Amino acid sequence: MKISLKNVLFGVFALVFAAAAMAGQGKTQRVEVLDKLVSIDMPATFKATKIPESDIKSSTYKLPPEAYTHVKNAANFVFSYTTRKVADNQLDAFAEKMNQMLAKHSPKVSKLKINGQQAQLIDYVAPATDGLNVHSLILAMSVDGNLLMVTFNTPEVQASTFLAVGREALLSIKVNKK
């Protein structure tokens, strides 16, 4: 087997380029969201994004939802603190209801404890309006008796790059005591 210098250089360049791209996803920053209600270790490549007011039903939220989008629009986080009353002991029932609603997408539901808080993580893939499949992770928690939902979305074709990063960020969420 003959290996050319050109192929070796191309291989090294490709590895360096891939490593540099992945390294940018690894740098995180602690971000406080929802009027400092919670904080999360989010990749530095995600920036605050305005949610159109027409998309917000004010009676549904205790605080306006917030979104953070990857600088190349490849993935996003959406933080929603709702008016829906849900105690820690009701999270299982909430997750079961979500499981039923998303049944055609075969969601995987996991019960977790994150920084001392009970949580449910719902993981599924569903088609978006543009025809692409979107891989979503929904983290549900009770905060002061109300439902907090943090959703991470990435196109399925980019899940190998972003899904682990999104999951790790969700698992870093912390409720800030006031």
Foldseek 3Di string as FASTA:
>chain_A
DDDDPVNVVVVVVVVVVVVVVLVQLVAWDWDQDQVNQKIWTGRPQWAKDDDPPVVDDPQFAPGTKTKIAGVVRQKIKIKTWTPAFDALVCQVVVVVVVCVVCVVFPWDWDWDAAPNFTKIKIWGWDADPVGFIKTKIWIWGADPRTIMIMMMIGGPVCCVRPVVSVVNRVSNMDGDDD
